[in-house]
N, C-alpha and C. Protein backbone atom coordinates (compact mmCIF):
# COMPACT_ATOMS: atom_id res chain seq x y z
N UNK A 1 4.80 -8.33 -3.61
CA UNK A 1 5.32 -9.64 -3.33
C UNK A 1 5.55 -9.77 -1.84
N UNK A 2 5.28 -10.96 -1.33
CA UNK A 2 5.46 -11.22 0.08
C UNK A 2 6.44 -12.36 0.25
N UNK A 3 7.14 -12.32 1.35
CA UNK A 3 8.01 -13.41 1.74
C UNK A 3 7.70 -13.74 3.18
N UNK A 4 7.71 -15.00 3.53
CA UNK A 4 7.47 -15.39 4.91
C UNK A 4 8.79 -15.77 5.53
N UNK A 5 9.09 -15.18 6.67
CA UNK A 5 10.32 -15.46 7.37
C UNK A 5 9.98 -16.07 8.72
N UNK A 6 10.83 -16.94 9.17
CA UNK A 6 10.67 -17.53 10.49
C UNK A 6 11.87 -17.13 11.31
N UNK A 7 11.61 -16.64 12.50
CA UNK A 7 12.69 -16.25 13.40
C UNK A 7 12.92 -17.38 14.39
N UNK A 8 14.14 -17.80 14.50
CA UNK A 8 14.52 -18.83 15.47
C UNK A 8 15.79 -18.35 16.16
N UNK A 9 16.10 -18.89 17.31
CA UNK A 9 17.31 -18.45 18.00
C UNK A 9 18.55 -18.64 17.13
N UNK A 10 19.43 -17.68 17.16
CA UNK A 10 20.67 -17.77 16.38
C UNK A 10 21.69 -18.62 17.13
N UNK A 11 22.57 -19.26 16.37
CA UNK A 11 23.64 -20.03 17.01
C UNK A 11 24.70 -19.04 17.47
N UNK A 12 25.25 -19.28 18.63
CA UNK A 12 26.27 -18.39 19.17
C UNK A 12 27.60 -18.56 18.46
N UNK A 13 28.52 -17.67 18.75
CA UNK A 13 29.83 -17.70 18.10
C UNK A 13 30.57 -18.99 18.40
N UNK A 14 30.31 -19.59 19.57
CA UNK A 14 30.98 -20.84 19.93
C UNK A 14 30.47 -22.03 19.16
N UNK A 15 29.43 -21.84 18.37
CA UNK A 15 28.83 -22.96 17.66
C UNK A 15 29.33 -23.06 16.23
N UNK A 16 30.39 -22.37 15.88
CA UNK A 16 30.85 -22.33 14.50
C UNK A 16 31.12 -23.71 13.94
N UNK A 17 31.71 -24.60 14.71
CA UNK A 17 32.02 -25.92 14.19
C UNK A 17 30.99 -26.95 14.60
N UNK A 18 29.92 -26.52 15.24
CA UNK A 18 28.92 -27.45 15.74
C UNK A 18 28.14 -28.07 14.59
N UNK A 19 27.60 -29.24 14.84
CA UNK A 19 26.79 -29.89 13.82
C UNK A 19 25.48 -29.13 13.66
N UNK A 20 24.88 -29.32 12.48
CA UNK A 20 23.61 -28.63 12.23
C UNK A 20 22.55 -29.18 13.16
N UNK A 21 21.73 -28.31 13.67
CA UNK A 21 20.62 -28.74 14.50
C UNK A 21 19.42 -27.88 14.16
N UNK A 22 18.25 -28.37 14.44
CA UNK A 22 17.08 -27.57 14.13
C UNK A 22 16.59 -26.90 15.40
N UNK A 23 16.12 -25.69 15.25
CA UNK A 23 15.66 -24.90 16.37
C UNK A 23 14.15 -24.78 16.32
N UNK A 24 13.51 -24.62 17.44
CA UNK A 24 12.06 -24.45 17.43
C UNK A 24 11.70 -23.09 16.81
N UNK A 25 10.56 -23.07 16.15
CA UNK A 25 10.09 -21.83 15.54
C UNK A 25 9.60 -20.91 16.64
N UNK A 26 10.06 -19.67 16.62
CA UNK A 26 9.65 -18.70 17.63
C UNK A 26 8.51 -17.82 17.14
N UNK A 27 8.57 -17.41 15.91
CA UNK A 27 7.59 -16.47 15.41
C UNK A 27 7.58 -16.48 13.90
N UNK A 28 6.43 -16.33 13.32
CA UNK A 28 6.30 -16.29 11.87
C UNK A 28 5.64 -14.96 11.52
N UNK A 29 6.17 -14.28 10.54
CA UNK A 29 5.57 -13.03 10.10
C UNK A 29 5.89 -12.80 8.63
N UNK A 30 5.17 -11.87 8.03
CA UNK A 30 5.36 -11.58 6.62
C UNK A 30 6.09 -10.26 6.46
N UNK A 31 6.97 -10.21 5.49
CA UNK A 31 7.69 -8.99 5.17
C UNK A 31 7.32 -8.62 3.73
N UNK A 32 7.06 -7.37 3.49
CA UNK A 32 6.60 -6.92 2.19
C UNK A 32 7.67 -6.09 1.50
N UNK A 33 7.57 -6.07 0.19
CA UNK A 33 8.38 -5.10 -0.53
C UNK A 33 7.95 -3.73 -0.05
N UNK A 34 8.84 -2.82 -0.08
CA UNK A 34 8.55 -1.50 0.46
C UNK A 34 8.06 -0.52 -0.60
N UNK A 35 7.71 -1.02 -1.78
CA UNK A 35 7.16 -0.19 -2.85
C UNK A 35 5.81 -0.76 -3.27
N UNK A 36 4.86 0.11 -3.50
CA UNK A 36 3.58 -0.26 -4.08
C UNK A 36 3.17 0.83 -5.07
N UNK A 37 2.24 0.51 -5.94
CA UNK A 37 1.67 1.52 -6.82
C UNK A 37 0.32 1.91 -6.23
N UNK A 38 0.15 3.22 -6.01
CA UNK A 38 -1.14 3.75 -5.56
C UNK A 38 -1.69 4.66 -6.66
N UNK A 39 -2.93 5.09 -6.50
CA UNK A 39 -3.61 5.83 -7.56
C UNK A 39 -4.40 6.98 -6.96
N UNK A 40 -4.33 8.14 -7.60
CA UNK A 40 -5.18 9.26 -7.20
C UNK A 40 -6.24 9.46 -8.27
N UNK A 41 -7.45 9.70 -7.82
CA UNK A 41 -8.58 10.00 -8.70
C UNK A 41 -8.82 11.49 -8.62
N UNK A 42 -8.62 12.19 -9.74
CA UNK A 42 -8.66 13.65 -9.73
C UNK A 42 -9.52 14.16 -10.87
N UNK A 43 -10.13 15.30 -10.64
CA UNK A 43 -10.90 15.96 -11.69
C UNK A 43 -9.95 16.83 -12.49
N UNK A 44 -9.99 16.69 -13.81
CA UNK A 44 -9.10 17.47 -14.68
C UNK A 44 -9.66 17.44 -16.09
N UNK A 45 -9.22 18.42 -16.90
CA UNK A 45 -9.66 18.45 -18.30
C UNK A 45 -8.57 17.99 -19.26
N UNK A 46 -7.31 17.90 -18.77
CA UNK A 46 -6.21 17.45 -19.63
C UNK A 46 -5.32 16.50 -18.85
N UNK A 47 -4.48 15.76 -19.57
CA UNK A 47 -3.53 14.86 -18.92
C UNK A 47 -2.55 15.64 -18.04
N UNK A 48 -2.06 16.77 -18.53
CA UNK A 48 -1.12 17.58 -17.73
C UNK A 48 -1.75 18.08 -16.44
N UNK A 49 -3.00 18.53 -16.53
CA UNK A 49 -3.70 19.00 -15.34
C UNK A 49 -3.92 17.84 -14.36
N UNK A 50 -4.27 16.67 -14.89
CA UNK A 50 -4.47 15.49 -14.04
C UNK A 50 -3.17 15.12 -13.33
N UNK A 51 -2.06 15.10 -14.07
CA UNK A 51 -0.77 14.76 -13.47
C UNK A 51 -0.39 15.77 -12.39
N UNK A 52 -0.59 17.05 -12.66
CA UNK A 52 -0.26 18.08 -11.68
C UNK A 52 -1.11 17.92 -10.41
N UNK A 53 -2.40 17.69 -10.57
CA UNK A 53 -3.27 17.50 -9.41
C UNK A 53 -2.92 16.21 -8.69
N UNK A 54 -2.61 15.15 -9.44
CA UNK A 54 -2.19 13.89 -8.84
C UNK A 54 -0.94 14.07 -8.00
N UNK A 55 0.01 14.83 -8.52
CA UNK A 55 1.25 15.07 -7.75
C UNK A 55 0.97 15.85 -6.47
N UNK A 56 -0.03 16.73 -6.50
CA UNK A 56 -0.42 17.44 -5.28
C UNK A 56 -0.95 16.46 -4.24
N UNK A 57 -1.73 15.48 -4.69
CA UNK A 57 -2.23 14.44 -3.80
C UNK A 57 -1.05 13.67 -3.20
N UNK A 58 -0.13 13.25 -4.06
CA UNK A 58 1.01 12.46 -3.58
C UNK A 58 1.92 13.29 -2.67
N UNK A 59 2.05 14.59 -2.97
CA UNK A 59 2.82 15.47 -2.07
C UNK A 59 2.23 15.45 -0.66
N UNK A 60 0.92 15.51 -0.56
CA UNK A 60 0.27 15.45 0.76
C UNK A 60 0.58 14.13 1.45
N UNK A 61 0.55 13.05 0.68
CA UNK A 61 0.75 11.72 1.28
C UNK A 61 2.18 11.48 1.74
N UNK A 62 3.14 12.24 1.21
CA UNK A 62 4.53 12.10 1.68
C UNK A 62 4.92 13.24 2.63
N UNK A 63 3.94 14.06 3.00
CA UNK A 63 4.19 15.11 3.98
C UNK A 63 4.84 16.36 3.42
N UNK A 64 4.86 16.53 2.11
CA UNK A 64 5.45 17.74 1.52
C UNK A 64 4.55 18.95 1.78
N UNK A 65 3.27 18.72 1.95
CA UNK A 65 2.33 19.77 2.33
C UNK A 65 2.49 19.97 3.84
N UNK A 66 2.75 21.21 4.29
CA UNK A 66 3.01 21.42 5.72
C UNK A 66 1.82 21.08 6.62
N UNK A 67 0.63 20.94 6.05
CA UNK A 67 -0.56 20.65 6.85
C UNK A 67 -0.93 19.17 6.81
N UNK A 68 -0.06 18.34 6.26
CA UNK A 68 -0.35 16.91 6.15
C UNK A 68 0.80 16.11 6.73
N UNK A 69 0.46 15.04 7.40
CA UNK A 69 1.48 14.14 7.92
C UNK A 69 1.90 13.15 6.85
N UNK A 70 3.11 12.70 6.92
CA UNK A 70 3.63 11.75 5.93
C UNK A 70 3.05 10.36 6.17
N UNK A 71 2.51 9.79 5.12
CA UNK A 71 2.01 8.42 5.13
C UNK A 71 3.01 7.51 4.43
N UNK A 72 3.64 8.04 3.39
CA UNK A 72 4.66 7.33 2.62
C UNK A 72 5.95 8.13 2.68
N UNK A 73 7.08 7.48 2.36
CA UNK A 73 8.38 8.14 2.39
C UNK A 73 8.60 9.05 1.19
N UNK A 74 8.32 8.53 0.00
CA UNK A 74 8.47 9.31 -1.22
C UNK A 74 7.65 8.66 -2.32
N UNK A 75 7.49 9.39 -3.43
CA UNK A 75 6.75 8.84 -4.57
C UNK A 75 7.49 9.17 -5.85
N UNK A 76 7.20 8.37 -6.87
CA UNK A 76 7.71 8.61 -8.22
C UNK A 76 6.55 8.36 -9.18
N UNK A 77 6.24 9.38 -9.97
CA UNK A 77 5.20 9.22 -10.99
C UNK A 77 5.81 8.58 -12.24
N UNK A 78 4.95 8.15 -13.13
CA UNK A 78 5.43 7.41 -14.29
C UNK A 78 5.84 8.30 -15.46
N UNK A 79 5.93 9.61 -15.21
CA UNK A 79 6.50 10.52 -16.21
C UNK A 79 7.99 10.74 -15.95
N UNK A 80 8.49 10.25 -14.83
CA UNK A 80 9.88 10.49 -14.44
C UNK A 80 10.80 9.44 -15.05
N UNK A 81 11.85 9.90 -15.69
CA UNK A 81 12.79 9.02 -16.38
C UNK A 81 14.12 8.86 -15.65
N UNK A 82 14.37 9.69 -14.65
CA UNK A 82 15.71 9.77 -14.06
C UNK A 82 15.88 8.92 -12.80
N UNK A 83 15.15 7.84 -12.66
CA UNK A 83 15.31 6.97 -11.50
C UNK A 83 15.55 5.54 -11.97
N UNK A 84 16.35 4.83 -11.21
CA UNK A 84 16.64 3.44 -11.56
C UNK A 84 16.03 2.46 -10.56
N UNK A 85 15.31 2.97 -9.56
CA UNK A 85 14.78 2.08 -8.53
C UNK A 85 13.27 2.19 -8.33
N UNK A 86 12.62 3.12 -8.98
CA UNK A 86 11.19 3.31 -8.75
C UNK A 86 10.49 3.68 -10.05
N UNK A 87 9.17 3.75 -10.00
CA UNK A 87 8.41 4.13 -11.19
C UNK A 87 8.57 3.12 -12.30
N UNK A 88 8.85 3.61 -13.50
CA UNK A 88 9.02 2.73 -14.67
C UNK A 88 10.12 1.70 -14.47
N UNK A 89 11.19 2.10 -13.78
CA UNK A 89 12.32 1.19 -13.57
C UNK A 89 11.90 -0.03 -12.76
N UNK A 90 10.95 0.13 -11.87
CA UNK A 90 10.50 -0.98 -11.02
C UNK A 90 9.30 -1.70 -11.61
N UNK A 91 8.34 -0.97 -12.16
CA UNK A 91 7.05 -1.54 -12.54
C UNK A 91 6.81 -1.61 -14.04
N UNK A 92 7.70 -1.07 -14.85
CA UNK A 92 7.47 -1.05 -16.29
C UNK A 92 6.57 0.12 -16.68
N UNK A 93 6.14 0.09 -17.92
CA UNK A 93 5.33 1.19 -18.44
C UNK A 93 3.94 1.22 -17.80
N UNK A 94 3.52 2.40 -17.41
CA UNK A 94 2.17 2.68 -16.94
C UNK A 94 1.77 4.01 -17.58
N UNK A 95 0.50 4.23 -17.77
CA UNK A 95 0.09 5.57 -18.23
C UNK A 95 0.49 6.60 -17.18
N UNK A 96 0.86 7.78 -17.62
CA UNK A 96 1.15 8.87 -16.70
C UNK A 96 -0.12 9.29 -15.99
N UNK A 97 -1.20 9.36 -16.74
CA UNK A 97 -2.54 9.65 -16.24
C UNK A 97 -3.50 9.16 -17.31
N UNK A 98 -4.69 8.75 -16.93
CA UNK A 98 -5.66 8.26 -17.91
C UNK A 98 -7.06 8.65 -17.46
N UNK A 99 -7.91 9.02 -18.42
CA UNK A 99 -9.32 9.24 -18.05
C UNK A 99 -9.89 7.93 -17.49
N UNK A 100 -10.65 8.02 -16.42
CA UNK A 100 -11.18 6.82 -15.78
C UNK A 100 -12.05 6.01 -16.74
N UNK A 101 -12.72 6.68 -17.65
CA UNK A 101 -13.61 5.95 -18.56
C UNK A 101 -12.89 5.35 -19.78
N UNK A 102 -11.57 5.50 -19.85
CA UNK A 102 -10.79 4.87 -20.94
C UNK A 102 -10.41 3.44 -20.54
N UNK A 103 -9.95 2.66 -21.50
CA UNK A 103 -9.50 1.29 -21.19
C UNK A 103 -8.36 1.30 -20.17
N UNK A 104 -7.36 2.18 -20.39
CA UNK A 104 -6.25 2.27 -19.43
C UNK A 104 -6.74 2.70 -18.06
N UNK A 105 -7.66 3.67 -18.03
CA UNK A 105 -8.20 4.15 -16.76
C UNK A 105 -8.96 3.06 -16.02
N UNK A 106 -9.75 2.29 -16.75
CA UNK A 106 -10.50 1.19 -16.13
C UNK A 106 -9.55 0.13 -15.58
N UNK A 107 -8.47 -0.14 -16.31
CA UNK A 107 -7.49 -1.12 -15.86
C UNK A 107 -6.81 -0.65 -14.56
N UNK A 108 -6.39 0.61 -14.53
CA UNK A 108 -5.74 1.15 -13.32
C UNK A 108 -6.71 1.17 -12.14
N UNK A 109 -7.94 1.57 -12.40
CA UNK A 109 -8.95 1.62 -11.35
C UNK A 109 -9.20 0.23 -10.77
N UNK A 110 -9.31 -0.76 -11.63
CA UNK A 110 -9.53 -2.13 -11.18
C UNK A 110 -8.34 -2.63 -10.35
N UNK A 111 -7.13 -2.33 -10.81
CA UNK A 111 -5.94 -2.73 -10.04
C UNK A 111 -5.95 -2.13 -8.64
N UNK A 112 -6.23 -0.84 -8.56
CA UNK A 112 -6.25 -0.17 -7.26
C UNK A 112 -7.33 -0.70 -6.34
N UNK A 113 -8.53 -0.90 -6.88
CA UNK A 113 -9.63 -1.39 -6.04
C UNK A 113 -9.38 -2.83 -5.61
N UNK A 114 -8.93 -3.68 -6.52
CA UNK A 114 -8.67 -5.08 -6.16
C UNK A 114 -7.56 -5.18 -5.11
N UNK A 115 -6.52 -4.37 -5.24
CA UNK A 115 -5.44 -4.38 -4.25
C UNK A 115 -5.95 -3.95 -2.88
N UNK A 116 -6.81 -2.94 -2.84
CA UNK A 116 -7.37 -2.48 -1.57
C UNK A 116 -8.21 -3.59 -0.94
N UNK A 117 -9.05 -4.23 -1.73
CA UNK A 117 -9.89 -5.32 -1.20
C UNK A 117 -9.03 -6.48 -0.70
N UNK A 118 -8.03 -6.87 -1.49
CA UNK A 118 -7.18 -7.99 -1.09
C UNK A 118 -6.44 -7.72 0.21
N UNK A 119 -5.91 -6.52 0.37
CA UNK A 119 -5.19 -6.19 1.61
C UNK A 119 -6.15 -6.15 2.80
N UNK A 120 -7.35 -5.60 2.59
CA UNK A 120 -8.32 -5.58 3.67
C UNK A 120 -8.67 -7.01 4.09
N UNK A 121 -8.98 -7.86 3.12
CA UNK A 121 -9.37 -9.24 3.42
C UNK A 121 -8.22 -10.01 4.07
N UNK A 122 -7.00 -9.80 3.61
CA UNK A 122 -5.85 -10.48 4.19
C UNK A 122 -5.67 -10.08 5.65
N UNK A 123 -5.75 -8.79 5.93
CA UNK A 123 -5.60 -8.33 7.30
C UNK A 123 -6.79 -8.72 8.17
N UNK A 124 -7.98 -8.71 7.61
CA UNK A 124 -9.15 -9.14 8.38
C UNK A 124 -9.03 -10.62 8.75
N UNK A 125 -8.53 -11.44 7.85
CA UNK A 125 -8.30 -12.85 8.17
C UNK A 125 -7.29 -12.99 9.31
N UNK A 126 -6.25 -12.17 9.29
CA UNK A 126 -5.25 -12.20 10.37
C UNK A 126 -5.87 -11.79 11.70
N UNK A 127 -6.77 -10.81 11.68
CA UNK A 127 -7.46 -10.38 12.90
C UNK A 127 -8.33 -11.52 13.43
N UNK A 128 -9.11 -12.12 12.55
CA UNK A 128 -9.98 -13.23 12.97
C UNK A 128 -9.16 -14.38 13.56
N UNK A 129 -8.05 -14.69 12.91
CA UNK A 129 -7.17 -15.75 13.39
C UNK A 129 -6.61 -15.41 14.77
N UNK A 130 -6.21 -14.17 14.94
CA UNK A 130 -5.66 -13.75 16.24
C UNK A 130 -6.71 -13.87 17.33
N UNK A 131 -7.93 -13.47 17.06
CA UNK A 131 -8.99 -13.54 18.06
C UNK A 131 -9.28 -15.00 18.43
N UNK A 132 -9.24 -15.87 17.44
CA UNK A 132 -9.52 -17.29 17.69
C UNK A 132 -8.38 -18.00 18.41
N UNK A 133 -7.13 -17.64 18.07
CA UNK A 133 -6.00 -18.45 18.52
C UNK A 133 -5.16 -17.84 19.64
N UNK A 134 -5.26 -16.55 19.85
CA UNK A 134 -4.39 -15.90 20.83
C UNK A 134 -5.19 -15.42 22.04
N UNK A 135 -4.53 -15.38 23.17
CA UNK A 135 -5.16 -14.82 24.37
C UNK A 135 -5.15 -13.30 24.27
N UNK A 136 -5.93 -12.67 25.13
CA UNK A 136 -5.94 -11.20 25.17
C UNK A 136 -4.54 -10.67 25.45
N UNK A 137 -3.83 -11.34 26.36
CA UNK A 137 -2.48 -10.91 26.71
C UNK A 137 -1.53 -11.03 25.51
N UNK A 138 -1.65 -12.12 24.76
CA UNK A 138 -0.80 -12.29 23.57
C UNK A 138 -1.11 -11.23 22.52
N UNK A 139 -2.38 -10.91 22.35
CA UNK A 139 -2.75 -9.84 21.41
C UNK A 139 -2.19 -8.51 21.90
N UNK A 140 -2.32 -8.25 23.20
CA UNK A 140 -1.80 -7.01 23.76
C UNK A 140 -0.30 -6.88 23.53
N UNK A 141 0.42 -8.01 23.61
CA UNK A 141 1.86 -8.00 23.38
C UNK A 141 2.21 -8.10 21.89
N UNK A 142 1.22 -8.02 21.04
CA UNK A 142 1.41 -8.02 19.59
C UNK A 142 2.03 -9.32 19.07
N UNK A 143 1.67 -10.43 19.69
CA UNK A 143 2.14 -11.73 19.22
C UNK A 143 1.71 -11.92 17.77
N UNK A 144 2.61 -12.41 16.95
CA UNK A 144 2.37 -12.63 15.51
C UNK A 144 1.88 -11.37 14.80
N UNK A 145 2.27 -10.21 15.32
CA UNK A 145 1.89 -8.91 14.76
C UNK A 145 0.38 -8.72 14.68
N UNK A 146 -0.33 -9.29 15.67
CA UNK A 146 -1.79 -9.21 15.69
C UNK A 146 -2.28 -7.77 15.75
N UNK A 147 -1.69 -6.96 16.61
CA UNK A 147 -2.15 -5.56 16.73
C UNK A 147 -1.90 -4.79 15.44
N UNK A 148 -0.83 -5.13 14.77
CA UNK A 148 -0.56 -4.49 13.48
C UNK A 148 -1.70 -4.80 12.50
N UNK A 149 -2.16 -6.04 12.48
CA UNK A 149 -3.27 -6.41 11.60
C UNK A 149 -4.54 -5.65 11.96
N UNK A 150 -4.81 -5.49 13.28
CA UNK A 150 -5.98 -4.71 13.70
C UNK A 150 -5.86 -3.28 13.16
N UNK A 151 -4.68 -2.71 13.29
CA UNK A 151 -4.44 -1.35 12.82
C UNK A 151 -4.67 -1.25 11.31
N UNK A 152 -4.16 -2.20 10.56
CA UNK A 152 -4.28 -2.16 9.11
C UNK A 152 -5.73 -2.28 8.65
N UNK A 153 -6.54 -3.08 9.35
CA UNK A 153 -7.95 -3.19 9.00
C UNK A 153 -8.64 -1.84 9.13
N UNK A 154 -8.26 -1.06 10.14
CA UNK A 154 -8.89 0.24 10.37
C UNK A 154 -8.21 1.41 9.70
N UNK A 155 -7.19 1.16 8.90
CA UNK A 155 -6.41 2.25 8.30
C UNK A 155 -7.23 3.11 7.34
N UNK A 156 -6.97 4.40 7.38
CA UNK A 156 -7.60 5.33 6.46
C UNK A 156 -6.69 5.67 5.29
N UNK A 157 -5.41 5.36 5.43
CA UNK A 157 -4.43 5.61 4.37
C UNK A 157 -3.23 4.73 4.64
N UNK A 158 -2.25 4.78 3.77
CA UNK A 158 -1.05 3.98 3.97
C UNK A 158 -1.01 2.78 3.04
N UNK A 159 -0.12 1.84 3.31
CA UNK A 159 0.15 0.76 2.35
C UNK A 159 -0.95 -0.28 2.16
N UNK A 160 -2.08 -0.14 2.86
CA UNK A 160 -3.20 -1.05 2.60
C UNK A 160 -4.31 -0.36 1.83
N UNK A 161 -4.14 0.91 1.54
CA UNK A 161 -5.12 1.69 0.77
C UNK A 161 -4.44 2.13 -0.52
N UNK A 162 -5.03 1.78 -1.65
CA UNK A 162 -4.38 2.00 -2.94
C UNK A 162 -5.04 3.09 -3.78
N UNK A 163 -6.24 3.55 -3.40
CA UNK A 163 -6.93 4.60 -4.14
C UNK A 163 -7.16 5.80 -3.22
N UNK A 164 -6.93 7.01 -3.77
CA UNK A 164 -7.10 8.25 -3.02
C UNK A 164 -7.87 9.26 -3.86
N UNK A 165 -8.71 10.06 -3.20
CA UNK A 165 -9.40 11.12 -3.93
C UNK A 165 -8.46 12.32 -4.06
N UNK A 166 -8.95 13.39 -4.67
CA UNK A 166 -8.06 14.54 -4.92
C UNK A 166 -7.72 15.33 -3.67
N UNK A 167 -8.29 14.95 -2.52
CA UNK A 167 -7.95 15.59 -1.25
C UNK A 167 -7.02 14.70 -0.43
N UNK A 168 -6.50 13.65 -1.03
CA UNK A 168 -5.58 12.69 -0.40
C UNK A 168 -6.26 11.84 0.67
N UNK A 169 -7.58 11.70 0.55
CA UNK A 169 -8.33 10.83 1.45
C UNK A 169 -8.38 9.43 0.84
N UNK A 170 -8.04 8.42 1.64
CA UNK A 170 -8.09 7.06 1.16
C UNK A 170 -9.51 6.60 0.87
N UNK A 171 -9.66 5.85 -0.19
CA UNK A 171 -10.96 5.27 -0.54
C UNK A 171 -10.98 3.87 0.02
N UNK A 172 -11.78 3.66 1.09
CA UNK A 172 -11.73 2.43 1.88
C UNK A 172 -12.82 1.43 1.56
N UNK A 173 -13.92 1.87 0.96
CA UNK A 173 -14.99 0.92 0.65
C UNK A 173 -15.67 1.31 -0.66
N UNK A 174 -16.42 0.37 -1.20
CA UNK A 174 -16.98 0.53 -2.54
C UNK A 174 -17.90 1.73 -2.65
N UNK A 175 -18.67 2.04 -1.62
CA UNK A 175 -19.58 3.19 -1.68
C UNK A 175 -18.79 4.49 -1.85
N UNK A 176 -17.64 4.60 -1.17
CA UNK A 176 -16.79 5.78 -1.35
C UNK A 176 -16.32 5.88 -2.79
N UNK A 177 -15.87 4.76 -3.33
CA UNK A 177 -15.39 4.76 -4.71
C UNK A 177 -16.52 5.14 -5.67
N UNK A 178 -17.68 4.54 -5.49
CA UNK A 178 -18.81 4.85 -6.38
C UNK A 178 -19.19 6.32 -6.30
N UNK A 179 -19.13 6.91 -5.11
CA UNK A 179 -19.45 8.33 -4.95
C UNK A 179 -18.46 9.20 -5.73
N UNK A 180 -17.18 8.89 -5.63
CA UNK A 180 -16.17 9.65 -6.38
C UNK A 180 -16.41 9.51 -7.87
N UNK A 181 -16.70 8.30 -8.31
CA UNK A 181 -16.92 8.06 -9.74
C UNK A 181 -18.16 8.79 -10.26
N UNK A 182 -19.20 8.87 -9.44
CA UNK A 182 -20.45 9.50 -9.87
C UNK A 182 -20.41 11.02 -9.83
N UNK A 183 -19.58 11.60 -8.95
CA UNK A 183 -19.59 13.03 -8.74
C UNK A 183 -18.80 13.82 -9.77
N UNK A 184 -18.00 13.17 -10.56
CA UNK A 184 -17.13 13.89 -11.50
C UNK A 184 -17.49 13.58 -12.95
N UNK A 185 -17.39 14.59 -13.76
CA UNK A 185 -17.64 14.39 -15.19
C UNK A 185 -16.34 14.18 -15.95
N UNK A 186 -15.23 14.68 -15.41
CA UNK A 186 -13.93 14.52 -16.06
C UNK A 186 -12.93 13.97 -15.05
N UNK A 187 -13.09 12.70 -14.74
CA UNK A 187 -12.27 12.07 -13.72
C UNK A 187 -11.09 11.35 -14.38
N UNK A 188 -9.91 11.58 -13.82
CA UNK A 188 -8.68 10.95 -14.29
C UNK A 188 -8.10 10.13 -13.15
N UNK A 189 -7.28 9.15 -13.50
CA UNK A 189 -6.57 8.35 -12.51
C UNK A 189 -5.08 8.49 -12.78
N UNK A 190 -4.32 8.74 -11.72
CA UNK A 190 -2.88 8.99 -11.83
C UNK A 190 -2.16 7.98 -10.94
N UNK A 191 -1.31 7.11 -11.51
CA UNK A 191 -0.57 6.16 -10.69
C UNK A 191 0.76 6.74 -10.21
N UNK A 192 1.22 6.24 -9.07
CA UNK A 192 2.55 6.60 -8.57
C UNK A 192 3.10 5.44 -7.78
N UNK A 193 4.39 5.24 -7.89
CA UNK A 193 5.12 4.26 -7.09
C UNK A 193 5.47 4.96 -5.78
N UNK A 194 5.08 4.37 -4.66
CA UNK A 194 5.40 4.96 -3.35
C UNK A 194 6.24 4.00 -2.54
N UNK A 195 7.10 4.56 -1.73
CA UNK A 195 7.93 3.79 -0.79
C UNK A 195 7.39 4.04 0.61
N UNK A 196 7.35 2.97 1.41
CA UNK A 196 6.88 3.13 2.79
C UNK A 196 7.78 2.37 3.74
């Protein structure tokens, strides 16, 4: 979910009894919920093995692996019952893990791929708009979060990438996804709620 906020100058303490007045808009930007559901595509022969491998992927993405930098703050898989703010508590029931070729697996895969495409297209539109409407200096100063949009278009992982392979590499385009799907005979998909 997104919300659009407009920042305008605040009224000073001396204005407490002043009449209402409208202020010029200074900047418009979008603020996102800080939770998303991401998915790891892992090779496994059982649901338990898939969940374990999926958690290894998510551990890397939150920096629990000493050789990986944190991309997200924390994750909660859908097998966890002891949380009131993430996982099932936030998103409702999801499969803990599902074979990609099952109905549940296809549904999760479609959700992850569609979310990745939508975020890419949204950020690409912001980049195009910035190039058309802003000067080089305004872009350099990150007016309307233009540089952030440029960064998100080029991201390899993080909150604009929703699918990851078993090595915690983000799947950024359809050819990457097709390659992962074709290379495995027992591919599972594991969802997790992540905070960023």
